[in-house]
C-alpha atoms as a PDB file:
ATOM      1  CA  UNK A   1       3.725 -44.550-129.333  1.00  0.00           C
ATOM      2  CA  UNK A   2       2.158 -47.726-128.111  1.00  0.00           C
ATOM      3  CA  UNK A   3      -1.288 -46.702-129.329  1.00  0.00           C
ATOM      4  CA  UNK A   4      -0.159 -46.533-132.943  1.00  0.00           C
ATOM      5  CA  UNK A   5       1.432 -49.978-132.816  1.00  0.00           C
ATOM      6  CA  UNK A   6      -1.627 -51.483-131.054  1.00  0.00           C
ATOM      7  CA  UNK A   7      -3.917 -50.016-133.695  1.00  0.00           C
ATOM      8  CA  UNK A   8      -1.882 -51.492-136.538  1.00  0.00           C
ATOM      9  CA  UNK A   9      -1.667 -54.918-134.793  1.00  0.00           C
ATOM     10  CA  UNK A  10      -5.346 -55.131-133.895  1.00  0.00           C
ATOM     11  CA  UNK A  11      -6.814 -53.202-136.769  1.00  0.00           C
ATOM     12  CA  UNK A  12      -9.014 -51.178-134.487  1.00  0.00           C
ATOM     13  CA  UNK A  13      -9.195 -47.965-132.514  1.00  0.00           C
ATOM     14  CA  UNK A  14      -7.154 -48.055-129.337  1.00  0.00           C
ATOM     15  CA  UNK A  15      -7.435 -45.835-126.331  1.00  0.00           C
ATOM     16  CA  UNK A  16      -5.551 -45.140-123.083  1.00  0.00           C
ATOM     17  CA  UNK A  17      -5.687 -42.597-120.295  1.00  0.00           C
ATOM     18  CA  UNK A  18      -2.623 -40.409-119.684  1.00  0.00           C
ATOM     19  CA  UNK A  19      -2.569 -37.629-117.091  1.00  0.00           C
ATOM     20  CA  UNK A  20      -6.370 -37.541-117.029  1.00  0.00           C
ATOM     21  CA  UNK A  21      -6.821 -37.288-120.787  1.00  0.00           C
ATOM     22  CA  UNK A  22      -8.202 -40.016-123.017  1.00  0.00           C
ATOM     23  CA  UNK A  23      -5.955 -40.583-125.996  1.00  0.00           C
ATOM     24  CA  UNK A  24      -7.275 -42.510-128.956  1.00  0.00           C
ATOM     25  CA  UNK A  25      -5.702 -43.654-132.221  1.00  0.00           C
ATOM     26  CA  UNK A  26      -7.592 -44.923-135.239  1.00  0.00           C
ATOM     27  CA  UNK A  27      -6.008 -46.204-138.437  1.00  0.00           C
ATOM     28  CA  UNK A  28      -7.665 -46.515-141.830  1.00  0.00           C
ATOM     29  CA  UNK A  29      -5.505 -48.639-144.072  1.00  0.00           C
ATOM     30  CA  UNK A  30      -5.502 -48.386-147.830  1.00  0.00           C
ATOM     31  CA  UNK A  31      -3.264 -47.152-150.626  1.00  0.00           C
ATOM     32  CA  UNK A  32      -2.356 -44.465-148.070  1.00  0.00           C
ATOM     33  CA  UNK A  33      -2.733 -45.168-144.351  1.00  0.00           C
ATOM     34  CA  UNK A  34      -4.550 -42.432-142.405  1.00  0.00           C
ATOM     35  CA  UNK A  35      -3.686 -42.362-138.729  1.00  0.00           C
ATOM     36  CA  UNK A  36      -5.945 -40.203-136.539  1.00  0.00           C
ATOM     37  CA  UNK A  37      -5.224 -38.938-133.020  1.00  0.00           C
ATOM     38  CA  UNK A  38      -8.073 -38.094-130.652  1.00  0.00           C
ATOM     39  CA  UNK A  39      -7.719 -36.358-127.305  1.00  0.00           C
ATOM     40  CA  UNK A  40     -10.807 -36.538-125.084  1.00  0.00           C
ATOM     41  CA  UNK A  41     -12.847 -37.583-128.149  1.00  0.00           C
ATOM     42  CA  UNK A  42     -11.751 -34.474-130.138  1.00  0.00           C
ATOM     43  CA  UNK A  43     -10.124 -35.292-133.453  1.00  0.00           C
ATOM     44  CA  UNK A  44      -6.841 -33.389-133.322  1.00  0.00           C
ATOM     45  CA  UNK A  45      -4.518 -34.718-136.027  1.00  0.00           C
ATOM     46  CA  UNK A  46      -4.448 -36.934-139.108  1.00  0.00           C
ATOM     47  CA  UNK A  47      -1.192 -38.159-140.594  1.00  0.00           C
ATOM     48  CA  UNK A  48      -1.111 -39.864-143.938  1.00  0.00           C
ATOM     49  CA  UNK A  49       1.628 -42.419-144.542  1.00  0.00           C
ATOM     50  CA  UNK A  50       2.370 -43.704-148.024  1.00  0.00           C
ATOM     51  CA  UNK A  51       5.447 -45.632-149.127  1.00  0.00           C
ATOM     52  CA  UNK A  52       7.270 -44.698-145.936  1.00  0.00           C
ATOM     53  CA  UNK A  53       6.606 -40.981-146.290  1.00  0.00           C
ATOM     54  CA  UNK A  54       4.483 -39.179-143.696  1.00  0.00           C
ATOM     55  CA  UNK A  55       2.620 -35.915-144.041  1.00  0.00           C
ATOM     56  CA  UNK A  56       0.173 -33.976-141.909  1.00  0.00           C
ATOM     57  CA  UNK A  57      -3.181 -33.934-143.640  1.00  0.00           C
ATOM     58  CA  UNK A  58      -5.228 -32.382-140.821  1.00  0.00           C
ATOM     59  CA  UNK A  59      -4.559 -30.400-137.678  1.00  0.00           C
ATOM     60  CA  UNK A  60      -7.567 -28.931-135.953  1.00  0.00           C
ATOM     61  CA  UNK A  61      -8.646 -27.622-132.593  1.00  0.00           C
ATOM     62  CA  UNK A  62      -5.050 -26.630-131.837  1.00  0.00           C
ATOM     63  CA  UNK A  63      -4.441 -26.243-128.121  1.00  0.00           C
ATOM     64  CA  UNK A  64      -0.919 -25.702-126.877  1.00  0.00           C
ATOM     65  CA  UNK A  65      -1.707 -27.936-123.845  1.00  0.00           C
ATOM     66  CA  UNK A  66      -2.025 -30.881-126.254  1.00  0.00           C
ATOM     67  CA  UNK A  67       1.477 -30.503-127.682  1.00  0.00           C
ATOM     68  CA  UNK A  68       2.907 -33.007-125.152  1.00  0.00           C
ATOM     69  CA  UNK A  69       0.681 -35.648-126.693  1.00  0.00           C
ATOM     70  CA  UNK A  70       0.844 -34.583-130.316  1.00  0.00           C
ATOM     71  CA  UNK A  71       4.643 -34.315-130.611  1.00  0.00           C
ATOM     72  CA  UNK A  72       5.355 -37.984-129.626  1.00  0.00           C
ATOM     73  CA  UNK A  73       2.513 -39.136-131.890  1.00  0.00           C
ATOM     74  CA  UNK A  74       3.894 -37.229-134.858  1.00  0.00           C
ATOM     75  CA  UNK A  75       7.515 -38.197-134.184  1.00  0.00           C
ATOM     76  CA  UNK A  76       6.670 -41.895-134.068  1.00  0.00           C
ATOM     77  CA  UNK A  77       5.161 -41.488-137.568  1.00  0.00           C
ATOM     78  CA  UNK A  78       8.205 -39.675-138.941  1.00  0.00           C
ATOM     79  CA  UNK A  79       6.939 -36.103-138.861  1.00  0.00           C
ATOM     80  CA  UNK A  80       9.601 -33.727-137.641  1.00  0.00           C
ATOM     81  CA  UNK A  81       9.149 -31.636-134.495  1.00  0.00           C
ATOM     82  CA  UNK A  82       9.818 -28.506-136.591  1.00  0.00           C
ATOM     83  CA  UNK A  83       6.964 -29.285-138.917  1.00  0.00           C
ATOM     84  CA  UNK A  84       4.566 -29.801-135.981  1.00  0.00           C
ATOM     85  CA  UNK A  85       5.686 -26.565-134.280  1.00  0.00           C
ATOM     86  CA  UNK A  86       5.347 -24.683-137.553  1.00  0.00           C
ATOM     87  CA  UNK A  87       1.741 -25.873-137.837  1.00  0.00           C
ATOM     88  CA  UNK A  88       1.205 -24.571-134.285  1.00  0.00           C
ATOM     89  CA  UNK A  89       2.838 -21.301-135.283  1.00  0.00           C
ATOM     90  CA  UNK A  90       5.376 -21.656-132.425  1.00  0.00           C
ATOM     91  CA  UNK A  91       8.451 -21.190-134.584  1.00  0.00           C
END
């Protein structure tokens, strides 16, 4: 996802509009990088990445309509689709 790459490169929050929704990514770098996804200013997901291993540390305000944005975000960070769907209680 372009937003994740742009956030890493520029060290800031990046946003773009897709299908009428404002998508934002913010990265806090440290011993463990925390990557946050916002949809229309609602914090939806945080993924922590440490030593090449990704894990979901937060999923809130789950809305099935957001899955088309959340899945690509999670996949680009190395989180499996099955893990995401399990958190959504779809599988």
